[in-house]
N, C-alpha and C. Protein backbone atom coordinates (compact mmCIF):
# COMPACT_ATOMS: atom_id res chain seq x y z
N MET A 1 -82.09 -17.94 140.45
CA MET A 1 -81.12 -18.54 139.58
C MET A 1 -79.83 -17.76 139.75
N PRO A 2 -78.77 -18.51 140.08
CA PRO A 2 -77.52 -17.82 140.33
C PRO A 2 -76.93 -17.29 139.04
N ASP A 3 -76.29 -16.25 139.17
CA ASP A 3 -75.65 -15.61 138.01
C ASP A 3 -74.33 -16.33 137.72
N PRO A 4 -74.19 -16.91 136.48
CA PRO A 4 -72.97 -17.65 136.19
C PRO A 4 -71.74 -16.78 136.26
N ARG A 5 -71.92 -15.52 136.13
CA ARG A 5 -70.75 -14.65 136.22
C ARG A 5 -70.21 -14.60 137.63
N HIS A 6 -71.07 -14.92 138.60
CA HIS A 6 -70.64 -14.85 140.00
C HIS A 6 -70.52 -16.24 140.60
N ALA A 7 -70.28 -17.30 139.74
CA ALA A 7 -70.14 -18.67 140.26
C ALA A 7 -68.86 -18.77 141.06
N PRO A 8 -68.87 -19.63 142.12
CA PRO A 8 -67.65 -19.77 142.91
C PRO A 8 -66.51 -20.31 142.04
N ASP A 9 -65.31 -19.96 142.38
CA ASP A 9 -64.12 -20.41 141.61
C ASP A 9 -63.92 -21.91 141.79
N ARG A 10 -63.91 -22.60 140.61
CA ARG A 10 -63.61 -24.05 140.63
C ARG A 10 -62.27 -24.24 139.94
N PRO A 11 -61.46 -25.13 140.46
CA PRO A 11 -60.16 -25.33 139.77
C PRO A 11 -60.41 -25.85 138.36
N HIS A 12 -59.63 -25.37 137.44
CA HIS A 12 -59.75 -25.81 136.04
C HIS A 12 -59.06 -27.16 135.87
N ARG A 13 -59.77 -28.18 135.30
CA ARG A 13 -59.20 -29.55 135.14
C ARG A 13 -58.61 -29.69 133.75
N THR A 14 -57.37 -30.18 133.76
CA THR A 14 -56.68 -30.42 132.49
C THR A 14 -56.88 -31.87 132.09
N ARG A 15 -56.49 -32.14 130.85
CA ARG A 15 -56.59 -33.53 130.35
C ARG A 15 -55.66 -34.43 131.15
N ALA A 16 -54.52 -33.95 131.55
CA ALA A 16 -53.58 -34.73 132.36
C ALA A 16 -54.22 -35.09 133.69
N ASP A 17 -54.97 -34.13 134.26
CA ASP A 17 -55.65 -34.43 135.54
C ASP A 17 -56.65 -35.55 135.34
N GLU A 18 -57.40 -35.47 134.27
CA GLU A 18 -58.39 -36.50 133.99
C GLU A 18 -57.73 -37.87 133.80
N ARG A 19 -56.61 -37.90 133.07
CA ARG A 19 -55.89 -39.18 132.83
C ARG A 19 -55.34 -39.73 134.14
N SER A 20 -54.81 -38.86 135.00
CA SER A 20 -54.23 -39.34 136.26
C SER A 20 -55.30 -39.96 137.15
N GLU A 21 -56.51 -39.46 137.03
CA GLU A 21 -57.58 -40.04 137.81
C GLU A 21 -58.00 -41.41 137.26
N GLU A 22 -57.80 -41.63 135.96
CA GLU A 22 -58.18 -42.91 135.35
C GLU A 22 -57.18 -44.01 135.68
N ILE A 23 -55.93 -43.67 136.01
CA ILE A 23 -54.90 -44.66 136.29
C ILE A 23 -55.16 -45.28 137.64
N ASP A 24 -55.12 -46.63 137.61
CA ASP A 24 -55.35 -47.39 138.84
C ASP A 24 -53.99 -47.61 139.50
N ILE A 25 -53.78 -46.98 140.64
CA ILE A 25 -52.49 -47.09 141.31
C ILE A 25 -52.55 -47.95 142.58
N ARG A 26 -53.55 -48.77 142.63
CA ARG A 26 -53.63 -49.68 143.77
C ARG A 26 -52.45 -50.65 143.70
N PRO A 27 -51.82 -51.02 144.83
CA PRO A 27 -50.66 -51.93 144.82
C PRO A 27 -50.96 -53.26 144.15
N THR A 28 -52.10 -53.82 144.35
CA THR A 28 -52.41 -55.11 143.72
C THR A 28 -52.44 -54.98 142.21
N LYS A 29 -53.00 -53.85 141.73
CA LYS A 29 -53.05 -53.63 140.28
C LYS A 29 -51.64 -53.42 139.72
N LEU A 30 -50.81 -52.67 140.43
CA LEU A 30 -49.44 -52.43 139.99
C LEU A 30 -48.65 -53.75 139.94
N LEU A 31 -48.83 -54.58 140.96
CA LEU A 31 -48.13 -55.89 140.99
C LEU A 31 -48.59 -56.76 139.83
N ALA A 32 -49.87 -56.73 139.54
CA ALA A 32 -50.40 -57.52 138.41
C ALA A 32 -49.81 -57.02 137.09
N ASP A 33 -49.72 -55.69 136.95
CA ASP A 33 -49.13 -55.12 135.73
C ASP A 33 -47.66 -55.51 135.59
N ILE A 34 -46.93 -55.44 136.71
CA ILE A 34 -45.50 -55.82 136.70
C ILE A 34 -45.35 -57.29 136.32
N GLU A 35 -46.21 -58.12 136.89
CA GLU A 35 -46.15 -59.55 136.59
C GLU A 35 -46.45 -59.81 135.11
N GLN A 36 -47.43 -59.08 134.58
CA GLN A 36 -47.77 -59.22 133.17
C GLN A 36 -46.60 -58.78 132.29
N LEU A 37 -45.97 -57.66 132.64
CA LEU A 37 -44.83 -57.16 131.87
C LEU A 37 -43.65 -58.13 131.96
N ASN A 38 -43.44 -58.71 133.14
CA ASN A 38 -42.37 -59.71 133.29
C ASN A 38 -42.64 -60.93 132.42
N GLY A 39 -43.89 -61.32 132.34
CA GLY A 39 -44.26 -62.45 131.47
C GLY A 39 -43.99 -62.14 130.01
N GLN A 40 -44.35 -60.92 129.59
CA GLN A 40 -44.09 -60.51 128.20
C GLN A 40 -42.59 -60.44 127.92
N LEU A 41 -41.82 -59.97 128.91
CA LEU A 41 -40.36 -59.90 128.76
C LEU A 41 -39.76 -61.30 128.62
N ALA A 42 -40.25 -62.22 129.48
CA ALA A 42 -39.74 -63.60 129.41
C ALA A 42 -40.09 -64.23 128.07
N GLU A 43 -41.29 -63.96 127.59
CA GLU A 43 -41.73 -64.51 126.30
C GLU A 43 -40.86 -63.94 125.16
N ALA A 44 -40.61 -62.62 125.24
CA ALA A 44 -39.76 -62.00 124.21
C ALA A 44 -38.34 -62.55 124.28
N GLN A 45 -37.83 -62.79 125.49
CA GLN A 45 -36.47 -63.34 125.65
C GLN A 45 -36.41 -64.76 125.10
N THR A 46 -37.45 -65.56 125.37
CA THR A 46 -37.51 -66.93 124.84
C THR A 46 -37.51 -66.91 123.32
N GLN A 47 -38.30 -66.02 122.74
CA GLN A 47 -38.37 -65.92 121.28
C GLN A 47 -37.02 -65.46 120.71
N ALA A 48 -36.38 -64.50 121.40
CA ALA A 48 -35.06 -64.04 120.95
C ALA A 48 -34.04 -65.18 121.01
N ASP A 49 -34.11 -66.00 122.08
CA ASP A 49 -33.20 -67.15 122.20
C ASP A 49 -33.45 -68.15 121.08
N GLU A 50 -34.73 -68.38 120.74
CA GLU A 50 -35.06 -69.30 119.65
C GLU A 50 -34.51 -68.78 118.32
N TYR A 51 -34.67 -67.46 118.09
CA TYR A 51 -34.14 -66.87 116.86
C TYR A 51 -32.62 -67.00 116.80
N LEU A 52 -31.97 -66.77 117.95
CA LEU A 52 -30.50 -66.88 118.01
C LEU A 52 -30.06 -68.32 117.74
N THR A 53 -30.75 -69.28 118.36
CA THR A 53 -30.42 -70.69 118.14
C THR A 53 -30.61 -71.07 116.68
N ALA A 54 -31.73 -70.62 116.09
CA ALA A 54 -31.98 -70.92 114.68
C ALA A 54 -30.91 -70.29 113.80
N LEU A 55 -30.52 -69.07 114.12
CA LEU A 55 -29.48 -68.38 113.35
C LEU A 55 -28.15 -69.12 113.46
N GLN A 56 -27.81 -69.55 114.69
CA GLN A 56 -26.56 -70.29 114.88
C GLN A 56 -26.59 -71.61 114.13
N ARG A 57 -27.74 -72.29 114.15
CA ARG A 57 -27.88 -73.55 113.42
C ARG A 57 -27.70 -73.33 111.92
N GLU A 58 -28.37 -72.29 111.42
CA GLU A 58 -28.25 -71.97 109.99
C GLU A 58 -26.80 -71.65 109.63
N ARG A 59 -26.14 -70.91 110.49
CA ARG A 59 -24.73 -70.55 110.22
C ARG A 59 -23.86 -71.80 110.20
N ALA A 60 -24.07 -72.69 111.17
CA ALA A 60 -23.30 -73.93 111.22
C ALA A 60 -23.55 -74.77 109.97
N GLU A 61 -24.82 -74.86 109.55
CA GLU A 61 -25.15 -75.62 108.35
C GLU A 61 -24.49 -74.99 107.12
N PHE A 62 -24.49 -73.66 107.07
CA PHE A 62 -23.85 -72.99 105.94
C PHE A 62 -22.35 -73.25 105.91
N LEU A 63 -21.72 -73.18 107.10
CA LEU A 63 -20.27 -73.44 107.17
C LEU A 63 -19.96 -74.88 106.77
N ASN A 64 -20.82 -75.82 107.22
CA ASN A 64 -20.63 -77.23 106.83
C ASN A 64 -20.80 -77.40 105.32
N PHE A 65 -21.82 -76.74 104.76
CA PHE A 65 -22.03 -76.80 103.32
C PHE A 65 -20.83 -76.24 102.58
N LYS A 66 -20.31 -75.12 103.05
CA LYS A 66 -19.15 -74.49 102.43
C LYS A 66 -17.93 -75.42 102.49
N ARG A 67 -17.73 -76.06 103.66
CA ARG A 67 -16.60 -76.99 103.83
C ARG A 67 -16.76 -78.19 102.91
N ARG A 68 -17.99 -78.76 102.88
CA ARG A 68 -18.23 -79.92 102.02
C ARG A 68 -18.02 -79.58 100.55
N THR A 69 -18.49 -78.40 100.15
CA THR A 69 -18.32 -77.98 98.76
C THR A 69 -16.84 -77.84 98.41
N ALA A 70 -16.08 -77.25 99.34
CA ALA A 70 -14.63 -77.09 99.10
C ALA A 70 -13.96 -78.46 99.02
N GLU A 71 -14.35 -79.39 99.91
CA GLU A 71 -13.77 -80.73 99.89
C GLU A 71 -14.12 -81.46 98.59
N GLU A 72 -15.38 -81.32 98.16
CA GLU A 72 -15.79 -81.98 96.92
C GLU A 72 -15.04 -81.40 95.72
N ARG A 73 -14.87 -80.07 95.72
CA ARG A 73 -14.12 -79.44 94.63
C ARG A 73 -12.68 -79.94 94.62
N GLU A 74 -12.09 -80.00 95.83
CA GLU A 74 -10.71 -80.49 95.93
C GLU A 74 -10.61 -81.95 95.50
N ARG A 75 -11.62 -82.75 95.93
CA ARG A 75 -11.61 -84.17 95.54
C ARG A 75 -11.77 -84.32 94.03
N ASP A 76 -12.67 -83.52 93.45
CA ASP A 76 -12.87 -83.58 92.00
C ASP A 76 -11.60 -83.18 91.27
N LEU A 77 -10.94 -82.13 91.77
CA LEU A 77 -9.67 -81.74 91.15
C LEU A 77 -8.64 -82.85 91.32
N GLY A 78 -8.66 -83.49 92.51
CA GLY A 78 -7.74 -84.61 92.75
C GLY A 78 -8.01 -85.77 91.81
N LEU A 79 -9.31 -86.04 91.55
CA LEU A 79 -9.65 -87.13 90.63
C LEU A 79 -9.19 -86.80 89.22
N ALA A 80 -9.37 -85.53 88.84
CA ALA A 80 -8.90 -85.12 87.51
C ALA A 80 -7.39 -85.26 87.44
N GLY A 81 -6.71 -84.85 88.53
CA GLY A 81 -5.26 -85.00 88.59
C GLY A 81 -4.84 -86.46 88.58
N GLU A 82 -5.63 -87.30 89.27
CA GLU A 82 -5.33 -88.73 89.31
C GLU A 82 -5.47 -89.35 87.93
N ASP A 83 -6.49 -88.95 87.18
CA ASP A 83 -6.65 -89.47 85.80
C ASP A 83 -5.45 -89.10 84.95
N LEU A 84 -5.00 -87.86 85.09
CA LEU A 84 -3.82 -87.42 84.33
C LEU A 84 -2.60 -88.22 84.76
N ILE A 85 -2.45 -88.44 86.05
CA ILE A 85 -1.30 -89.21 86.56
C ILE A 85 -1.32 -90.62 86.00
N ARG A 86 -2.51 -91.24 85.94
CA ARG A 86 -2.61 -92.59 85.37
C ARG A 86 -2.14 -92.61 83.92
N LYS A 87 -2.49 -91.56 83.18
CA LYS A 87 -2.05 -91.49 81.77
C LYS A 87 -0.53 -91.31 81.68
N VAL A 88 0.01 -90.49 82.58
CA VAL A 88 1.46 -90.30 82.59
C VAL A 88 2.17 -91.60 82.98
N LEU A 89 1.54 -92.39 83.85
CA LEU A 89 2.15 -93.68 84.24
C LEU A 89 2.27 -94.61 83.05
N ALA A 90 1.33 -94.52 82.11
CA ALA A 90 1.43 -95.33 80.89
C ALA A 90 2.68 -94.94 80.10
N VAL A 91 3.00 -93.64 80.08
CA VAL A 91 4.22 -93.18 79.41
C VAL A 91 5.45 -93.68 80.18
N ALA A 92 5.37 -93.65 81.51
CA ALA A 92 6.49 -94.16 82.33
C ALA A 92 6.71 -95.64 82.05
N ASP A 93 5.63 -96.40 81.85
CA ASP A 93 5.76 -97.82 81.50
C ASP A 93 6.51 -97.98 80.18
N ASP A 94 6.19 -97.11 79.22
CA ASP A 94 6.88 -97.17 77.93
C ASP A 94 8.37 -96.92 78.10
N PHE A 95 8.72 -95.97 78.95
CA PHE A 95 10.14 -95.72 79.23
C PHE A 95 10.79 -96.94 79.88
N ASP A 96 10.07 -97.58 80.82
CA ASP A 96 10.61 -98.79 81.45
C ASP A 96 10.90 -99.86 80.40
N ARG A 97 9.94 -100.08 79.51
CA ARG A 97 10.13 -101.11 78.48
C ARG A 97 11.29 -100.76 77.54
N ALA A 98 11.36 -99.48 77.16
CA ALA A 98 12.43 -99.05 76.25
C ALA A 98 13.80 -99.23 76.91
N ILE A 99 13.91 -98.88 78.18
CA ILE A 99 15.19 -99.01 78.88
C ILE A 99 15.54 -100.48 79.09
N ASP A 100 14.56 -101.30 79.46
CA ASP A 100 14.82 -102.74 79.67
C ASP A 100 15.19 -103.45 78.37
N ALA A 101 14.64 -102.98 77.23
CA ALA A 101 14.87 -103.67 75.94
C ALA A 101 16.03 -103.08 75.14
N ARG A 102 16.77 -102.15 75.71
CA ARG A 102 17.86 -101.53 74.94
C ARG A 102 18.93 -102.56 74.60
N PRO A 103 19.46 -102.48 73.41
CA PRO A 103 20.57 -103.37 73.05
C PRO A 103 21.83 -102.95 73.81
N GLU A 104 22.63 -103.93 74.14
CA GLU A 104 23.88 -103.64 74.86
C GLU A 104 24.78 -102.72 74.06
N SER A 105 24.67 -102.79 72.73
CA SER A 105 25.56 -101.99 71.88
C SER A 105 25.34 -100.49 72.05
N ILE A 106 24.14 -100.05 72.53
CA ILE A 106 23.91 -98.61 72.69
C ILE A 106 23.80 -98.21 74.16
N ALA A 107 24.19 -99.11 75.07
CA ALA A 107 24.06 -98.83 76.50
C ALA A 107 24.83 -97.59 76.90
N GLU A 108 25.98 -97.33 76.26
CA GLU A 108 26.80 -96.17 76.60
C GLU A 108 26.60 -95.01 75.63
N ASP A 109 25.69 -95.15 74.70
CA ASP A 109 25.45 -94.12 73.68
C ASP A 109 24.82 -92.87 74.30
N ALA A 110 25.19 -91.69 73.80
CA ALA A 110 24.66 -90.42 74.32
C ALA A 110 23.15 -90.32 74.08
N TRP A 111 22.69 -90.87 72.96
CA TRP A 111 21.26 -90.83 72.68
C TRP A 111 20.48 -91.58 73.76
N PHE A 112 20.98 -92.76 74.12
CA PHE A 112 20.31 -93.55 75.16
C PHE A 112 20.39 -92.84 76.51
N GLU A 113 21.51 -92.18 76.77
CA GLU A 113 21.63 -91.42 78.03
C GLU A 113 20.57 -90.31 78.07
N GLY A 114 20.25 -89.72 76.91
CA GLY A 114 19.20 -88.69 76.84
C GLY A 114 17.84 -89.28 77.19
N VAL A 115 17.57 -90.48 76.68
CA VAL A 115 16.30 -91.16 77.00
C VAL A 115 16.22 -91.44 78.49
N ALA A 116 17.33 -91.91 79.07
CA ALA A 116 17.36 -92.21 80.51
C ALA A 116 17.18 -90.92 81.32
N ALA A 117 17.74 -89.80 80.83
CA ALA A 117 17.58 -88.52 81.54
C ALA A 117 16.12 -88.07 81.51
N ILE A 118 15.44 -88.26 80.37
CA ILE A 118 14.02 -87.91 80.29
C ILE A 118 13.22 -88.77 81.26
N ASP A 119 13.57 -90.05 81.35
CA ASP A 119 12.90 -90.95 82.29
C ASP A 119 13.09 -90.45 83.73
N ARG A 120 14.31 -90.02 84.07
CA ARG A 120 14.57 -89.53 85.43
C ARG A 120 13.74 -88.26 85.71
N LYS A 121 13.64 -87.38 84.70
CA LYS A 121 12.83 -86.16 84.87
C LYS A 121 11.37 -86.51 85.09
N LEU A 122 10.88 -87.48 84.34
CA LEU A 122 9.50 -87.91 84.49
C LEU A 122 9.25 -88.46 85.89
N ARG A 123 10.20 -89.27 86.39
CA ARG A 123 10.06 -89.84 87.75
C ARG A 123 10.09 -88.72 88.80
N ALA A 124 10.94 -87.71 88.59
CA ALA A 124 11.01 -86.59 89.54
C ALA A 124 9.70 -85.80 89.53
N LEU A 125 9.12 -85.62 88.35
CA LEU A 125 7.84 -84.93 88.24
C LEU A 125 6.76 -85.69 88.99
N LEU A 126 6.71 -87.00 88.81
CA LEU A 126 5.71 -87.82 89.50
C LEU A 126 5.90 -87.73 91.02
N GLU A 127 7.15 -87.79 91.46
CA GLU A 127 7.41 -87.68 92.90
C GLU A 127 6.97 -86.34 93.45
N SER A 128 7.17 -85.27 92.68
CA SER A 128 6.76 -83.94 93.15
C SER A 128 5.24 -83.84 93.29
N GLU A 129 4.51 -84.70 92.59
CA GLU A 129 3.04 -84.72 92.70
C GLU A 129 2.56 -85.74 93.74
N GLY A 130 3.49 -86.32 94.49
CA GLY A 130 3.11 -87.26 95.55
C GLY A 130 3.01 -88.71 95.08
N VAL A 131 3.55 -89.01 93.89
CA VAL A 131 3.49 -90.38 93.37
C VAL A 131 4.80 -91.08 93.71
N SER A 132 4.68 -92.27 94.29
CA SER A 132 5.86 -93.07 94.60
C SER A 132 5.63 -94.50 94.12
N SER A 133 6.71 -95.17 93.78
CA SER A 133 6.55 -96.55 93.30
C SER A 133 6.44 -97.50 94.49
N ILE A 134 5.74 -98.59 94.26
CA ILE A 134 5.53 -99.61 95.28
C ILE A 134 6.67 -100.61 95.18
N SER A 135 7.21 -100.97 96.33
CA SER A 135 8.30 -101.94 96.34
C SER A 135 7.78 -103.32 95.95
N ALA A 136 8.39 -103.86 94.90
CA ALA A 136 7.99 -105.21 94.44
C ALA A 136 9.21 -105.93 93.89
N GLU A 137 10.35 -105.70 94.52
CA GLU A 137 11.58 -106.35 94.07
C GLU A 137 11.54 -107.84 94.42
N PRO A 138 12.27 -108.66 93.67
CA PRO A 138 12.34 -110.09 94.03
C PRO A 138 12.80 -110.25 95.47
N GLY A 139 12.14 -111.14 96.19
CA GLY A 139 12.44 -111.36 97.60
C GLY A 139 11.48 -110.63 98.52
N THR A 140 10.71 -109.68 97.98
CA THR A 140 9.71 -108.96 98.78
C THR A 140 8.52 -109.87 99.01
N ALA A 141 7.94 -109.78 100.20
CA ALA A 141 6.74 -110.58 100.50
C ALA A 141 5.56 -110.03 99.71
N PHE A 142 4.76 -110.92 99.16
CA PHE A 142 3.57 -110.53 98.40
C PHE A 142 2.55 -109.90 99.35
N ASP A 143 2.01 -108.75 98.94
CA ASP A 143 0.98 -108.05 99.72
C ASP A 143 -0.18 -107.76 98.77
N PRO A 144 -1.33 -108.41 98.97
CA PRO A 144 -2.44 -108.24 98.03
C PRO A 144 -2.99 -106.81 97.98
N ARG A 145 -2.66 -105.98 98.96
CA ARG A 145 -3.11 -104.58 98.92
C ARG A 145 -2.27 -103.76 97.95
N GLU A 146 -1.04 -104.24 97.65
CA GLU A 146 -0.13 -103.47 96.80
C GLU A 146 0.30 -104.21 95.54
N HIS A 147 0.08 -105.51 95.50
CA HIS A 147 0.55 -106.32 94.38
C HIS A 147 -0.59 -107.12 93.77
N ASP A 148 -0.53 -107.32 92.45
CA ASP A 148 -1.42 -108.24 91.75
C ASP A 148 -0.54 -109.36 91.21
N ALA A 149 -0.82 -110.60 91.64
CA ALA A 149 -0.04 -111.74 91.14
C ALA A 149 -0.63 -112.19 89.82
N ILE A 150 0.19 -112.20 88.78
CA ILE A 150 -0.30 -112.62 87.47
C ILE A 150 0.31 -113.95 87.05
N ALA A 151 1.28 -114.43 87.84
CA ALA A 151 1.90 -115.73 87.53
C ALA A 151 2.35 -116.38 88.83
N ASN A 152 2.24 -117.72 88.85
CA ASN A 152 2.70 -118.52 89.98
C ASN A 152 3.84 -119.39 89.46
N VAL A 153 5.05 -119.16 89.96
CA VAL A 153 6.22 -119.83 89.41
C VAL A 153 6.71 -120.91 90.38
N PRO A 154 6.51 -122.20 90.04
CA PRO A 154 6.99 -123.27 90.93
C PRO A 154 8.49 -123.51 90.74
N GLY A 155 9.11 -124.18 91.71
CA GLY A 155 10.50 -124.61 91.59
C GLY A 155 11.51 -123.48 91.67
N THR A 156 11.20 -122.39 92.35
CA THR A 156 12.16 -121.27 92.44
C THR A 156 13.08 -121.41 93.64
N GLY A 157 12.75 -122.27 94.57
CA GLY A 157 13.54 -122.40 95.80
C GLY A 157 13.22 -121.29 96.80
N ARG A 158 12.31 -120.44 96.45
CA ARG A 158 11.92 -119.36 97.37
C ARG A 158 10.67 -119.78 98.13
N PRO A 159 10.41 -119.13 99.28
CA PRO A 159 9.18 -119.45 100.02
C PRO A 159 7.95 -119.14 99.17
N GLU A 160 6.93 -119.96 99.33
CA GLU A 160 5.71 -119.77 98.55
C GLU A 160 5.11 -118.38 98.82
N GLY A 161 4.71 -117.69 97.75
CA GLY A 161 4.11 -116.36 97.89
C GLY A 161 5.11 -115.22 97.84
N GLU A 162 6.39 -115.53 97.82
CA GLU A 162 7.39 -114.46 97.73
C GLU A 162 7.49 -114.00 96.28
N ILE A 163 7.70 -112.71 96.09
CA ILE A 163 7.80 -112.18 94.73
C ILE A 163 9.11 -112.62 94.09
N VAL A 164 9.00 -113.16 92.87
CA VAL A 164 10.21 -113.58 92.14
C VAL A 164 10.52 -112.64 90.98
N GLU A 165 9.50 -111.89 90.51
CA GLU A 165 9.74 -110.96 89.41
C GLU A 165 8.67 -109.88 89.41
N GLN A 166 9.10 -108.64 89.13
CA GLN A 166 8.15 -107.54 88.95
C GLN A 166 7.91 -107.39 87.45
N VAL A 167 6.66 -107.54 87.03
CA VAL A 167 6.32 -107.46 85.61
C VAL A 167 6.02 -106.01 85.22
N ARG A 168 5.33 -105.29 86.08
CA ARG A 168 5.05 -103.87 85.83
C ARG A 168 5.03 -103.15 87.17
N ARG A 169 5.62 -101.96 87.20
CA ARG A 169 5.68 -101.20 88.44
C ARG A 169 4.27 -100.81 88.92
N GLY A 170 4.14 -100.75 90.23
CA GLY A 170 2.92 -100.24 90.85
C GLY A 170 3.21 -98.88 91.46
N TYR A 171 2.16 -98.10 91.67
CA TYR A 171 2.34 -96.75 92.18
C TYR A 171 1.32 -96.42 93.25
N ARG A 172 1.76 -95.54 94.13
CA ARG A 172 0.94 -95.04 95.22
C ARG A 172 0.87 -93.52 95.06
N LEU A 173 -0.32 -92.94 95.21
CA LEU A 173 -0.49 -91.49 95.23
C LEU A 173 -0.69 -91.10 96.67
N ARG A 174 0.31 -90.48 97.24
CA ARG A 174 0.37 -90.17 98.67
C ARG A 174 0.20 -91.48 99.45
N ASP A 175 -0.92 -91.67 100.13
CA ASP A 175 -1.07 -92.90 100.94
C ASP A 175 -1.94 -93.94 100.28
N ARG A 176 -2.40 -93.70 99.06
CA ARG A 176 -3.37 -94.59 98.42
C ARG A 176 -2.77 -95.25 97.19
N VAL A 177 -2.99 -96.55 97.08
CA VAL A 177 -2.52 -97.29 95.90
C VAL A 177 -3.40 -96.92 94.72
N ILE A 178 -2.79 -96.38 93.66
CA ILE A 178 -3.58 -96.05 92.47
C ILE A 178 -3.39 -97.09 91.38
N ARG A 179 -2.29 -97.87 91.51
CA ARG A 179 -2.09 -98.96 90.57
C ARG A 179 -1.19 -100.00 91.23
N PRO A 180 -1.72 -101.20 91.48
CA PRO A 180 -0.88 -102.22 92.12
C PRO A 180 0.21 -102.71 91.16
N ALA A 181 1.29 -103.19 91.74
CA ALA A 181 2.38 -103.75 90.93
C ALA A 181 1.97 -105.13 90.42
N LEU A 182 2.28 -105.41 89.15
CA LEU A 182 2.04 -106.76 88.61
C LEU A 182 3.28 -107.59 88.87
N VAL A 183 3.09 -108.74 89.51
CA VAL A 183 4.24 -109.55 89.93
C VAL A 183 4.01 -111.03 89.64
N ALA A 184 5.12 -111.74 89.59
CA ALA A 184 5.09 -113.21 89.57
C ALA A 184 5.57 -113.66 90.95
N VAL A 185 4.87 -114.64 91.52
CA VAL A 185 5.22 -115.08 92.87
C VAL A 185 5.66 -116.55 92.85
N ALA A 186 6.45 -116.88 93.85
CA ALA A 186 6.94 -118.25 93.97
C ALA A 186 5.78 -119.17 94.32
N GLY A 187 5.71 -120.29 93.60
CA GLY A 187 4.70 -121.30 93.89
C GLY A 187 5.32 -122.38 94.75
N GLY A 188 4.51 -123.38 95.06
CA GLY A 188 5.03 -124.51 95.83
C GLY A 188 6.13 -125.20 95.04
N ASP A 189 7.17 -125.67 95.70
CA ASP A 189 8.28 -126.36 95.05
C ASP A 189 7.76 -127.64 94.40
N ALA A 190 8.11 -127.90 93.15
CA ALA A 190 7.61 -129.07 92.41
C ALA A 190 7.96 -130.35 93.13
N ALA A 191 9.19 -130.47 93.65
CA ALA A 191 9.61 -131.69 94.36
C ALA A 191 8.80 -131.86 95.63
N THR A 192 8.56 -130.78 96.34
CA THR A 192 7.77 -130.85 97.57
C THR A 192 6.34 -131.22 97.24
N ALA A 193 5.82 -130.65 96.15
CA ALA A 193 4.44 -130.95 95.76
C ALA A 193 4.30 -132.42 95.43
N ASP A 194 5.33 -133.02 94.73
CA ASP A 194 5.27 -134.44 94.39
C ASP A 194 5.33 -135.30 95.64
N SER A 195 6.20 -134.93 96.63
CA SER A 195 6.33 -135.75 97.84
C SER A 195 5.09 -135.68 98.70
N ASP A 196 4.33 -134.55 98.58
CA ASP A 196 3.10 -134.41 99.37
C ASP A 196 1.93 -135.18 98.76
N ARG A 197 2.07 -135.58 97.47
CA ARG A 197 0.97 -136.25 96.79
C ARG A 197 0.83 -137.68 97.37
N PRO A 198 -0.40 -138.12 97.70
CA PRO A 198 -0.58 -139.49 98.24
C PRO A 198 -0.33 -140.54 97.17
N ASN A 199 0.19 -141.73 97.61
CA ASN A 199 0.49 -142.82 96.66
C ASN A 199 -0.75 -143.54 96.25
């Protein structure tokens, strides 16, 4: 039995040596590992792209929601403003009636000039808010988008459908009609209507 104290020298093996022997360094195995890692990288890249696309979609939806909310708020404020403007237009109508019904005896009176000045201020205020009156003077062609005909006046000598009188002013808020003008329009000439009637 050999004496262990006199055993031949064997190199001492470390854990690193043992691990290096366990690693398979054959080229086919290395290529397979590289291919597997490339597959995992591609899968991770695809998932990252999906996350990025989802994030971009969410961001776009949020921005659209924010824009829609701002537009709705602005529209609601505009509607509230429009309601107030409609109420102010009723006051403007009262000024129109007061000015049209003034007696000639006070036409040059300072008091009446004050009323007319208030009317001018009111009109300037409406204009500053984007309100303008609709043209409906006698001789203007009737336009159903801007005028409401409340009377048909025959025998005026004017072409049929032409405005002969403005009964109440109409108004536009920027590009939209908020109140059509009330008008009387020329009807068919009575003499012409009689001559067209069959005997």
